[in-house]
Amino acid sequence: GATVLAAEDAEAARKAWASLDSEVAVVLMSARASGFLAAELADT
């Protein structure tokens, strides 16, 4: 039942992150995606 956002590279991961809406409560991510989103994760 999770919303799945596939992101194979940094650009796709950032685009997926930017698409998150106010209804999102939890984001589970791959280790690779978390590396791409380090700056965003520091400020969420």
PDB file of all heavy atoms in Angstrom:
ATOM      1  N   GLY A   1       0.775  -1.232   0.000  1.00  0.00           N
ATOM      2  CA  GLY A   1       0.000   0.000   0.000  1.00  0.00           C
ATOM      3  C   GLY A   1       0.805   1.279   0.000  1.00  0.00           C
ATOM      4  O   GLY A   1       0.240   2.369   0.070  1.00  0.00           O
ATOM      5  N   ALA A   2       2.112   1.170  -0.075  1.00  0.00           N
ATOM      6  CA  ALA A   2       2.950   2.364  -0.115  1.00  0.00           C
ATOM      7  C   ALA A   2       2.932   2.986  -1.507  1.00  0.00           C
ATOM      8  O   ALA A   2       2.727   2.300  -2.506  1.00  0.00           O
ATOM      9  CB  ALA A   2       4.391   2.011   0.263  1.00  0.00           C
ATOM     10  N   THR A   3       3.176   4.280  -1.536  1.00  0.00           N
ATOM     11  CA  THR A   3       3.377   4.970  -2.801  1.00  0.00           C
ATOM     12  C   THR A   3       4.837   4.777  -3.186  1.00  0.00           C
ATOM     13  O   THR A   3       5.738   5.127  -2.410  1.00  0.00           O
ATOM     14  CB  THR A   3       3.077   6.474  -2.660  1.00  0.00           C
ATOM     15  OG1 THR A   3       1.719   6.628  -2.266  1.00  0.00           O
ATOM     16  CG2 THR A   3       3.324   7.209  -3.959  1.00  0.00           C
ATOM     17  N   VAL A   4       5.084   4.206  -4.337  1.00  0.00           N
ATOM     18  CA  VAL A   4       6.447   3.904  -4.769  1.00  0.00           C
ATOM     19  C   VAL A   4       6.903   4.934  -5.795  1.00  0.00           C
ATOM     20  O   VAL A   4       6.216   5.184  -6.783  1.00  0.00           O
ATOM     21  CB  VAL A   4       6.530   2.479  -5.358  1.00  0.00           C
ATOM     22  CG1 VAL A   4       7.892   2.223  -5.982  1.00  0.00           C
ATOM     23  CG2 VAL A   4       6.232   1.451  -4.285  1.00  0.00           C
ATOM     24  N   LEU A   5       8.054   5.539  -5.531  1.00  0.00           N
ATOM     25  CA  LEU A   5       8.660   6.489  -6.453  1.00  0.00           C
ATOM     26  C   LEU A   5      10.030   5.944  -6.863  1.00  0.00           C
ATOM     27  O   LEU A   5      10.984   6.009  -6.086  1.00  0.00           O
ATOM     28  CB  LEU A   5       8.807   7.865  -5.792  1.00  0.00           C
ATOM     29  CG  LEU A   5       7.510   8.529  -5.307  1.00  0.00           C
ATOM     30  CD1 LEU A   5       7.826   9.833  -4.584  1.00  0.00           C
ATOM     31  CD2 LEU A   5       6.562   8.763  -6.464  1.00  0.00           C
ATOM     32  N   ALA A   6      10.095   5.409  -8.056  1.00  0.00           N
ATOM     33  CA  ALA A   6      11.358   4.853  -8.547  1.00  0.00           C
ATOM     34  C   ALA A   6      12.266   5.993  -8.987  1.00  0.00           C
ATOM     35  O   ALA A   6      11.821   6.920  -9.667  1.00  0.00           O
ATOM     36  CB  ALA A   6      11.103   3.902  -9.699  1.00  0.00           C
ATOM     37  N   ALA A   7      13.517   5.923  -8.577  1.00  0.00           N
ATOM     38  CA  ALA A   7      14.502   6.951  -8.926  1.00  0.00           C
ATOM     39  C   ALA A   7      15.849   6.265  -9.091  1.00  0.00           C
ATOM     40  O   ALA A   7      16.414   5.774  -8.117  1.00  0.00           O
ATOM     41  CB  ALA A   7      14.564   8.018  -7.839  1.00  0.00           C
ATOM     42  N   GLU A   8      16.327   6.238 -10.297  1.00  0.00           N
ATOM     43  CA  GLU A   8      17.574   5.523 -10.605  1.00  0.00           C
ATOM     44  C   GLU A   8      18.823   6.389 -10.500  1.00  0.00           C
ATOM     45  O   GLU A   8      19.935   5.867 -10.480  1.00  0.00           O
ATOM     46  CB  GLU A   8      17.498   4.921 -12.011  1.00  0.00           C
ATOM     47  CG  GLU A   8      16.319   3.978 -12.219  1.00  0.00           C
ATOM     48  CD  GLU A   8      16.362   2.732 -11.344  1.00  0.00           C
ATOM     49  OE1 GLU A   8      17.462   2.273 -10.990  1.00  0.00           O
ATOM     50  OE2 GLU A   8      15.280   2.224 -11.009  1.00  0.00           O
ATOM     51  N   ASP A   9      18.650   7.712 -10.470  1.00  0.00           N
ATOM     52  CA  ASP A   9      19.813   8.605 -10.406  1.00  0.00           C
ATOM     53  C   ASP A   9      19.484   9.816  -9.535  1.00  0.00           C
ATOM     54  O   ASP A   9      18.366   9.970  -9.048  1.00  0.00           O
ATOM     55  CB  ASP A   9      20.258   9.035 -11.805  1.00  0.00           C
ATOM     56  CG  ASP A   9      19.160   9.709 -12.613  1.00  0.00           C
ATOM     57  OD1 ASP A   9      18.287  10.378 -12.028  1.00  0.00           O
ATOM     58  OD2 ASP A   9      19.175   9.574 -13.841  1.00  0.00           O
ATOM     59  N   ALA A  10      20.480  10.683  -9.337  1.00  0.00           N
ATOM     60  CA  ALA A  10      20.310  11.837  -8.451  1.00  0.00           C
ATOM     61  C   ALA A  10      19.210  12.769  -8.929  1.00  0.00           C
ATOM     62  O   ALA A  10      18.401  13.250  -8.123  1.00  0.00           O
ATOM     63  CB  ALA A  10      21.633  12.590  -8.326  1.00  0.00           C
ATOM     64  N   GLU A  11      19.155  13.037 -10.208  1.00  0.00           N
ATOM     65  CA  GLU A  11      18.134  13.944 -10.734  1.00  0.00           C
ATOM     66  C   GLU A  11      16.730  13.396 -10.479  1.00  0.00           C
ATOM     67  O   GLU A  11      15.828  14.122 -10.040  1.00  0.00           O
ATOM     68  CB  GLU A  11      18.347  14.171 -12.232  1.00  0.00           C
ATOM     69  CG  GLU A  11      17.357  15.135 -12.832  1.00  0.00           C
ATOM     70  CD  GLU A  11      17.588  15.362 -14.313  1.00  0.00           C
ATOM     71  OE1 GLU A  11      18.646  14.971 -14.841  1.00  0.00           O
ATOM     72  OE2 GLU A  11      16.701  15.944 -14.943  1.00  0.00           O
ATOM     73  N   ALA A  12      16.533  12.120 -10.732  1.00  0.00           N
ATOM     74  CA  ALA A  12      15.228  11.506 -10.509  1.00  0.00           C
ATOM     75  C   ALA A  12      14.871  11.490  -9.026  1.00  0.00           C
ATOM     76  O   ALA A  12      13.706  11.699  -8.660  1.00  0.00           O
ATOM     77  CB  ALA A  12      15.207  10.096 -11.081  1.00  0.00           C
ATOM     78  N   ALA A  13      15.852  11.256  -8.166  1.00  0.00           N
ATOM     79  CA  ALA A  13      15.599  11.244  -6.723  1.00  0.00           C
ATOM     80  C   ALA A  13      15.178  12.628  -6.242  1.00  0.00           C
ATOM     81  O   ALA A  13      14.226  12.763  -5.471  1.00  0.00           O
ATOM     82  CB  ALA A  13      16.839  10.766  -5.973  1.00  0.00           C
ATOM     83  N   ARG A  14      15.857  13.657  -6.705  1.00  0.00           N
ATOM     84  CA  ARG A  14      15.494  15.028  -6.311  1.00  0.00           C
ATOM     85  C   ARG A  14      14.125  15.422  -6.844  1.00  0.00           C
ATOM     86  O   ARG A  14      13.343  16.086  -6.158  1.00  0.00           O
ATOM     87  CB  ARG A  14      16.565  16.012  -6.766  1.00  0.00           C
ATOM     88  CG  ARG A  14      17.837  15.885  -5.970  1.00  0.00           C
ATOM     89  CD  ARG A  14      18.858  16.960  -6.300  1.00  0.00           C
ATOM     90  NE  ARG A  14      20.117  16.603  -5.719  1.00  0.00           N
ATOM     91  CZ  ARG A  14      21.138  16.075  -6.395  1.00  0.00           C
ATOM     92  NH1 ARG A  14      21.062  15.890  -7.699  1.00  0.00           N
ATOM     93  NH2 ARG A  14      22.256  15.755  -5.774  1.00  0.00           N
ATOM     94  N   LYS A  15      13.822  14.999  -8.054  1.00  0.00           N
ATOM     95  CA  LYS A  15      12.505  15.286  -8.633  1.00  0.00           C
ATOM     96  C   LYS A  15      11.408  14.571  -7.835  1.00  0.00           C
ATOM     97  O   LYS A  15      10.362  15.156  -7.543  1.00  0.00           O
ATOM     98  CB  LYS A  15      12.470  14.857 -10.095  1.00  0.00           C
ATOM     99  CG  LYS A  15      11.210  15.238 -10.808  1.00  0.00           C
ATOM    100  CD  LYS A  15      11.292  14.899 -12.291  1.00  0.00           C
ATOM    101  CE  LYS A  15      10.011  15.288 -12.990  1.00  0.00           C
ATOM    102  NZ  LYS A  15      10.077  15.026 -14.435  1.00  0.00           N
ATOM    103  N   ALA A  16      11.650  13.322  -7.471  1.00  0.00           N
ATOM    104  CA  ALA A  16      10.683  12.568  -6.676  1.00  0.00           C
ATOM    105  C   ALA A  16      10.488  13.230  -5.316  1.00  0.00           C
ATOM    106  O   ALA A  16       9.359  13.375  -4.833  1.00  0.00           O
ATOM    107  CB  ALA A  16      11.141  11.120  -6.526  1.00  0.00           C
ATOM    108  N   TRP A  17      11.580  13.639  -4.684  1.00  0.00           N
ATOM    109  CA  TRP A  17      11.494  14.296  -3.377  1.00  0.00           C
ATOM    110  C   TRP A  17      10.678  15.581  -3.486  1.00  0.00           C
ATOM    111  O   TRP A  17       9.822  15.860  -2.649  1.00  0.00           O
ATOM    112  CB  TRP A  17      12.896  14.596  -2.849  1.00  0.00           C
ATOM    113  CG  TRP A  17      12.869  15.212  -1.487  1.00  0.00           C
ATOM    114  CD1 TRP A  17      12.902  16.536  -1.177  1.00  0.00           C
ATOM    115  CD2 TRP A  17      12.790  14.530  -0.232  1.00  0.00           C
ATOM    116  NE1 TRP A  17      12.848  16.727   0.176  1.00  0.00           N
ATOM    117  CE2 TRP A  17      12.781  15.501   0.773  1.00  0.00           C
ATOM    118  CE3 TRP A  17      12.730  13.184   0.116  1.00  0.00           C
ATOM    119  CZ2 TRP A  17      12.710  15.175   2.128  1.00  0.00           C
ATOM    120  CZ3 TRP A  17      12.673  12.871   1.473  1.00  0.00           C
ATOM    121  CH2 TRP A  17      12.660  13.853   2.455  1.00  0.00           C
ATOM    122  N   ALA A  18      10.924  16.355  -4.518  1.00  0.00           N
ATOM    123  CA  ALA A  18      10.210  17.617  -4.711  1.00  0.00           C
ATOM    124  C   ALA A  18       8.714  17.393  -4.944  1.00  0.00           C
ATOM    125  O   ALA A  18       7.906  18.289  -4.682  1.00  0.00           O
ATOM    126  CB  ALA A  18      10.815  18.393  -5.870  1.00  0.00           C
ATOM    127  N   SER A  19       8.348  16.206  -5.421  1.00  0.00           N
ATOM    128  CA  SER A  19       6.936  15.917  -5.705  1.00  0.00           C
ATOM    129  C   SER A  19       6.150  15.496  -4.469  1.00  0.00           C
ATOM    130  O   SER A  19       4.932  15.355  -4.541  1.00  0.00           O
ATOM    131  CB  SER A  19       6.830  14.824  -6.772  1.00  0.00           C
ATOM    132  OG  SER A  19       7.104  13.543  -6.221  1.00  0.00           O
ATOM    133  N   LEU A  20       6.813  15.287  -3.337  1.00  0.00           N
ATOM    134  CA  LEU A  20       6.111  14.855  -2.132  1.00  0.00           C
ATOM    135  C   LEU A  20       5.132  15.935  -1.689  1.00  0.00           C
ATOM    136  O   LEU A  20       5.471  17.116  -1.657  1.00  0.00           O
ATOM    137  CB  LEU A  20       7.102  14.570  -0.999  1.00  0.00           C
ATOM    138  CG  LEU A  20       8.127  13.467  -1.263  1.00  0.00           C
ATOM    139  CD1 LEU A  20       9.065  13.337  -0.068  1.00  0.00           C
ATOM    140  CD2 LEU A  20       7.465  12.152  -1.585  1.00  0.00           C
ATOM    141  N   ASP A  21       3.918  15.513  -1.348  1.00  0.00           N
ATOM    142  CA  ASP A  21       2.925  16.496  -0.930  1.00  0.00           C
ATOM    143  C   ASP A  21       2.740  16.475   0.588  1.00  0.00           C
ATOM    144  O   ASP A  21       3.388  15.713   1.300  1.00  0.00           O
ATOM    145  CB  ASP A  21       1.598  16.288  -1.665  1.00  0.00           C
ATOM    146  CG  ASP A  21       0.954  14.945  -1.376  1.00  0.00           C
ATOM    147  OD1 ASP A  21       1.156  14.406  -0.268  1.00  0.00           O
ATOM    148  OD2 ASP A  21       0.236  14.440  -2.247  1.00  0.00           O
ATOM    149  N   SER A  22       1.851  17.303   1.067  1.00  0.00           N
ATOM    150  CA  SER A  22       1.659  17.461   2.512  1.00  0.00           C
ATOM    151  C   SER A  22       1.022  16.241   3.182  1.00  0.00           C
ATOM    152  O   SER A  22       0.997  16.154   4.406  1.00  0.00           O
ATOM    153  CB  SER A  22       0.806  18.694   2.791  1.00  0.00           C
ATOM    154  OG  SER A  22      -0.473  18.539   2.210  1.00  0.00           O
ATOM    155  N   GLU A  23       0.519  15.300   2.405  1.00  0.00           N
ATOM    156  CA  GLU A  23      -0.078  14.090   2.956  1.00  0.00           C
ATOM    157  C   GLU A  23       0.967  13.039   3.344  1.00  0.00           C
ATOM    158  O   GLU A  23       0.659  12.080   4.045  1.00  0.00           O
ATOM    159  CB  GLU A  23      -1.062  13.476   1.956  1.00  0.00           C
ATOM    160  CG  GLU A  23      -2.266  14.342   1.680  1.00  0.00           C
ATOM    161  CD  GLU A  23      -3.107  14.578   2.926  1.00  0.00           C
ATOM    162  OE1 GLU A  23      -3.387  13.604   3.636  1.00  0.00           O
ATOM    163  OE2 GLU A  23      -3.460  15.739   3.180  1.00  0.00           O
ATOM    164  N   VAL A  24       2.198  13.209   2.899  1.00  0.00           N
ATOM    165  CA  VAL A  24       3.250  12.228   3.171  1.00  0.00           C
ATOM    166  C   VAL A  24       3.696  12.341   4.625  1.00  0.00           C
ATOM    167  O   VAL A  24       4.010  13.432   5.112  1.00  0.00           O
ATOM    168  CB  VAL A  24       4.454  12.426   2.215  1.00  0.00           C
ATOM    169  CG1 VAL A  24       5.594  11.488   2.583  1.00  0.00           C
ATOM    170  CG2 VAL A  24       4.022  12.218   0.782  1.00  0.00           C
ATOM    171  N   ALA A  25       3.714  11.207   5.317  1.00  0.00           N
ATOM    172  CA  ALA A  25       4.132  11.173   6.715  1.00  0.00           C
ATOM    173  C   ALA A  25       5.478  10.480   6.900  1.00  0.00           C
ATOM    174  O   ALA A  25       6.264  10.856   7.767  1.00  0.00           O
ATOM    175  CB  ALA A  25       3.084  10.464   7.559  1.00  0.00           C
ATOM    176  N   VAL A  26       5.748   9.463   6.069  1.00  0.00           N
ATOM    177  CA  VAL A  26       6.958   8.654   6.216  1.00  0.00           C
ATOM    178  C   VAL A  26       7.561   8.410   4.841  1.00  0.00           C
ATOM    179  O   VAL A  26       6.843   8.120   3.885  1.00  0.00           O
ATOM    180  CB  VAL A  26       6.635   7.282   6.858  1.00  0.00           C
ATOM    181  CG1 VAL A  26       7.872   6.412   6.955  1.00  0.00           C
ATOM    182  CG2 VAL A  26       5.982   7.457   8.213  1.00  0.00           C
ATOM    183  N   VAL A  27       8.892   8.543   4.760  1.00  0.00           N
ATOM    184  CA  VAL A  27       9.606   8.226   3.520  1.00  0.00           C
ATOM    185  C   VAL A  27      10.665   7.184   3.842  1.00  0.00           C
ATOM    186  O   VAL A  27      11.562   7.413   4.652  1.00  0.00           O
ATOM    187  CB  VAL A  27      10.269   9.470   2.896  1.00  0.00           C
ATOM    188  CG1 VAL A  27      10.981   9.095   1.608  1.00  0.00           C
ATOM    189  CG2 VAL A  27       9.244  10.567   2.637  1.00  0.00           C
ATOM    190  N   LEU A  28      10.526   6.031   3.222  1.00  0.00           N
ATOM    191  CA  LEU A  28      11.512   4.956   3.314  1.00  0.00           C
ATOM    192  C   LEU A  28      12.300   4.999   2.019  1.00  0.00           C
ATOM    193  O   LEU A  28      11.711   5.107   0.944  1.00  0.00           O
ATOM    194  CB  LEU A  28      10.803   3.608   3.463  1.00  0.00           C
ATOM    195  CG  LEU A  28      11.665   2.356   3.479  1.00  0.00           C
ATOM    196  CD1 LEU A  28      12.598   2.378   4.682  1.00  0.00           C
ATOM    197  CD2 LEU A  28      10.794   1.118   3.502  1.00  0.00           C
ATOM    198  N   MET A  29      13.610   4.982   2.099  1.00  0.00           N
ATOM    199  CA  MET A  29      14.396   5.102   0.868  1.00  0.00           C
ATOM    200  C   MET A  29      15.587   4.173   0.854  1.00  0.00           C
ATOM    201  O   MET A  29      16.052   3.715   1.903  1.00  0.00           O
ATOM    202  CB  MET A  29      14.841   6.540   0.660  1.00  0.00           C
ATOM    203  CG  MET A  29      15.811   7.061   1.673  1.00  0.00           C
ATOM    204  SD  MET A  29      15.999   8.843   1.604  1.00  0.00           S
ATOM    205  CE  MET A  29      14.463   9.338   2.355  1.00  0.00           C
ATOM    206  N   SER A  30      16.053   3.916  -0.362  1.00  0.00           N
ATOM    207  CA  SER A  30      17.249   3.100  -0.525  1.00  0.00           C
ATOM    208  C   SER A  30      18.460   3.899  -0.046  1.00  0.00           C
ATOM    209  O   SER A  30      18.428   5.136   0.029  1.00  0.00           O
ATOM    210  CB  SER A  30      17.423   2.704  -1.991  1.00  0.00           C
ATOM    211  OG  SER A  30      17.739   3.843  -2.774  1.00  0.00           O
ATOM    212  N   ALA A  31      19.535   3.197   0.257  1.00  0.00           N
ATOM    213  CA  ALA A  31      20.764   3.859   0.690  1.00  0.00           C
ATOM    214  C   ALA A  31      21.284   4.793  -0.396  1.00  0.00           C
ATOM    215  O   ALA A  31      21.745   5.910  -0.107  1.00  0.00           O
ATOM    216  CB  ALA A  31      21.817   2.816   1.060  1.00  0.00           C
ATOM    217  N   ARG A  32      21.185   4.358  -1.630  1.00  0.00           N
ATOM    218  CA  ARG A  32      21.666   5.185  -2.744  1.00  0.00           C
ATOM    219  C   ARG A  32      20.852   6.474  -2.855  1.00  0.00           C
ATOM    220  O   ARG A  32      21.412   7.559  -2.998  1.00  0.00           O
ATOM    221  CB  ARG A  32      21.604   4.388  -4.039  1.00  0.00           C
ATOM    222  CG  ARG A  32      22.238   5.071  -5.202  1.00  0.00           C
ATOM    223  CD  ARG A  32      22.353   4.118  -6.377  1.00  0.00           C
ATOM    224  NE  ARG A  32      22.988   4.787  -7.494  1.00  0.00           N
ATOM    225  CZ  ARG A  32      22.678   4.599  -8.741  1.00  0.00           C
ATOM    226  NH1 ARG A  32      21.752   3.720  -9.067  1.00  0.00           N
ATOM    227  NH2 ARG A  32      23.300   5.242  -9.690  1.00  0.00           N
ATOM    228  N   ALA A  33      19.529   6.364  -2.766  1.00  0.00           N
ATOM    229  CA  ALA A  33      18.678   7.552  -2.842  1.00  0.00           C
ATOM    230  C   ALA A  33      18.963   8.500  -1.687  1.00  0.00           C
ATOM    231  O   ALA A  33      18.986   9.722  -1.862  1.00  0.00           O
ATOM    232  CB  ALA A  33      17.209   7.157  -2.860  1.00  0.00           C
ATOM    233  N   SER A  34      19.191   7.955  -0.505  1.00  0.00           N
ATOM    234  CA  SER A  34      19.481   8.827   0.640  1.00  0.00           C
ATOM    235  C   SER A  34      20.782   9.597   0.433  1.00  0.00           C
ATOM    236  O   SER A  34      20.899  10.743   0.852  1.00  0.00           O
ATOM    237  CB  SER A  34      19.525   8.034   1.940  1.00  0.00           C
ATOM    238  OG  SER A  34      20.684   7.238   2.018  1.00  0.00           O
ATOM    239  N   GLY A  35      21.740   8.985  -0.241  1.00  0.00           N
ATOM    240  CA  GLY A  35      22.976   9.702  -0.565  1.00  0.00           C
ATOM    241  C   GLY A  35      22.731  10.852  -1.522  1.00  0.00           C
ATOM    242  O   GLY A  35      23.308  11.933  -1.367  1.00  0.00           O
ATOM    243  N   PHE A  36      21.855  10.629  -2.487  1.00  0.00           N
ATOM    244  CA  PHE A  36      21.514  11.681  -3.437  1.00  0.00           C
ATOM    245  C   PHE A  36      20.779  12.835  -2.758  1.00  0.00           C
ATOM    246  O   PHE A  36      20.828  13.968  -3.215  1.00  0.00           O
ATOM    247  CB  PHE A  36      20.616  11.144  -4.556  1.00  0.00           C
ATOM    248  CG  PHE A  36      21.258  10.128  -5.466  1.00  0.00           C
ATOM    249  CD1 PHE A  36      20.484   9.117  -6.019  1.00  0.00           C
ATOM    250  CD2 PHE A  36      22.604  10.167  -5.779  1.00  0.00           C
ATOM    251  CE1 PHE A  36      21.038   8.180  -6.876  1.00  0.00           C
ATOM    252  CE2 PHE A  36      23.174   9.230  -6.620  1.00  0.00           C
ATOM    253  CZ  PHE A  36      22.392   8.230  -7.171  1.00  0.00           C
ATOM    254  N   LEU A  37      20.063  12.538  -1.675  1.00  0.00           N
ATOM    255  CA  LEU A  37      19.187  13.516  -1.033  1.00  0.00           C
ATOM    256  C   LEU A  37      19.733  14.024   0.304  1.00  0.00           C
ATOM    257  O   LEU A  37      18.971  14.521   1.134  1.00  0.00           O
ATOM    258  CB  LEU A  37      17.805  12.897  -0.816  1.00  0.00           C
ATOM    259  CG  LEU A  37      17.060  12.505  -2.085  1.00  0.00           C
ATOM    260  CD1 LEU A  37      15.831  11.674  -1.742  1.00  0.00           C
ATOM    261  CD2 LEU A  37      16.675  13.744  -2.874  1.00  0.00           C
ATOM    262  N   ALA A  38      21.027  13.945   0.497  1.00  0.00           N
ATOM    263  CA  ALA A  38      21.614  14.322   1.788  1.00  0.00           C
ATOM    264  C   ALA A  38      21.220  15.732   2.222  1.00  0.00           C
ATOM    265  O   ALA A  38      20.845  15.955   3.376  1.00  0.00           O
ATOM    266  CB  ALA A  38      23.127  14.185   1.728  1.00  0.00           C
ATOM    267  N   ALA A  39      21.276  16.696   1.330  1.00  0.00           N
ATOM    268  CA  ALA A  39      20.931  18.079   1.689  1.00  0.00           C
ATOM    269  C   ALA A  39      19.457  18.205   2.043  1.00  0.00           C
ATOM    270  O   ALA A  39      19.095  18.878   3.021  1.00  0.00           O
ATOM    271  CB  ALA A  39      21.279  19.018   0.535  1.00  0.00           C
ATOM    272  N   GLU A  40      18.602  17.553   1.284  1.00  0.00           N
ATOM    273  CA  GLU A  40      17.167  17.614   1.542  1.00  0.00           C
ATOM    274  C   GLU A  40      16.816  16.947   2.869  1.00  0.00           C
ATOM    275  O   GLU A  40      15.974  17.432   3.621  1.00  0.00           O
ATOM    276  CB  GLU A  40      16.387  16.955   0.402  1.00  0.00           C
ATOM    277  CG  GLU A  40      16.414  17.718  -0.905  1.00  0.00           C
ATOM    278  CD  GLU A  40      17.656  17.463  -1.766  1.00  0.00           C
ATOM    279  OE1 GLU A  40      18.644  16.851  -1.283  1.00  0.00           O
ATOM    280  OE2 GLU A  40      17.630  17.878  -2.931  1.00  0.00           O
ATOM    281  N   LEU A  41      17.480  15.849   3.176  1.00  0.00           N
ATOM    282  CA  LEU A  41      17.201  15.119   4.410  1.00  0.00           C
ATOM    283  C   LEU A  41      17.649  15.893   5.644  1.00  0.00           C
ATOM    284  O   LEU A  41      17.059  15.754   6.718  1.00  0.00           O
ATOM    285  CB  LEU A  41      17.866  13.747   4.383  1.00  0.00           C
ATOM    286  CG  LEU A  41      17.310  12.792   3.337  1.00  0.00           C
ATOM    287  CD1 LEU A  41      18.153  11.523   3.288  1.00  0.00           C
ATOM    288  CD2 LEU A  41      15.855  12.472   3.615  1.00  0.00           C
ATOM    289  N   ALA A  42      18.679  16.716   5.487  1.00  0.00           N
ATOM    290  CA  ALA A  42      19.177  17.503   6.608  1.00  0.00           C
ATOM    291  C   ALA A  42      18.187  18.597   6.999  1.00  0.00           C
ATOM    292  O   ALA A  42      18.254  19.128   8.111  1.00  0.00           O
ATOM    293  CB  ALA A  42      20.527  18.122   6.247  1.00  0.00           C
ATOM    294  N   ASP A  43      17.258  18.905   6.104  1.00  0.00           N
ATOM    295  CA  ASP A  43      16.336  20.021   6.334  1.00  0.00           C
ATOM    296  C   ASP A  43      14.883  19.577   6.158  1.00  0.00           C
ATOM    297  O   ASP A  43      14.116  20.224   5.455  1.00  0.00           O
ATOM    298  CB  ASP A  43      16.678  21.160   5.369  1.00  0.00           C
ATOM    299  CG  ASP A  43      15.906  22.420   5.683  1.00  0.00           C
ATOM    300  OD1 ASP A  43      15.688  22.701   6.870  1.00  0.00           O
ATOM    301  OD2 ASP A  43      15.501  23.124   4.736  1.00  0.00           O
ATOM    302  N   THR A  44      14.501  18.471   6.766  1.00  0.00           N
ATOM    303  CA  THR A  44      13.118  17.995   6.650  1.00  0.00           C
ATOM    304  C   THR A  44      12.547  17.644   8.010  1.00  0.00           C
ATOM    305  O   THR A  44      13.282  17.290   8.932  1.00  0.00           O
ATOM    306  CB  THR A  44      13.005  16.775   5.717  1.00  0.00           C
ATOM    307  OG1 THR A  44      11.629  16.487   5.504  1.00  0.00           O
ATOM    308  CG2 THR A  44      13.713  15.564   6.277  1.00  0.00           C
TER     309      THR A  44
END
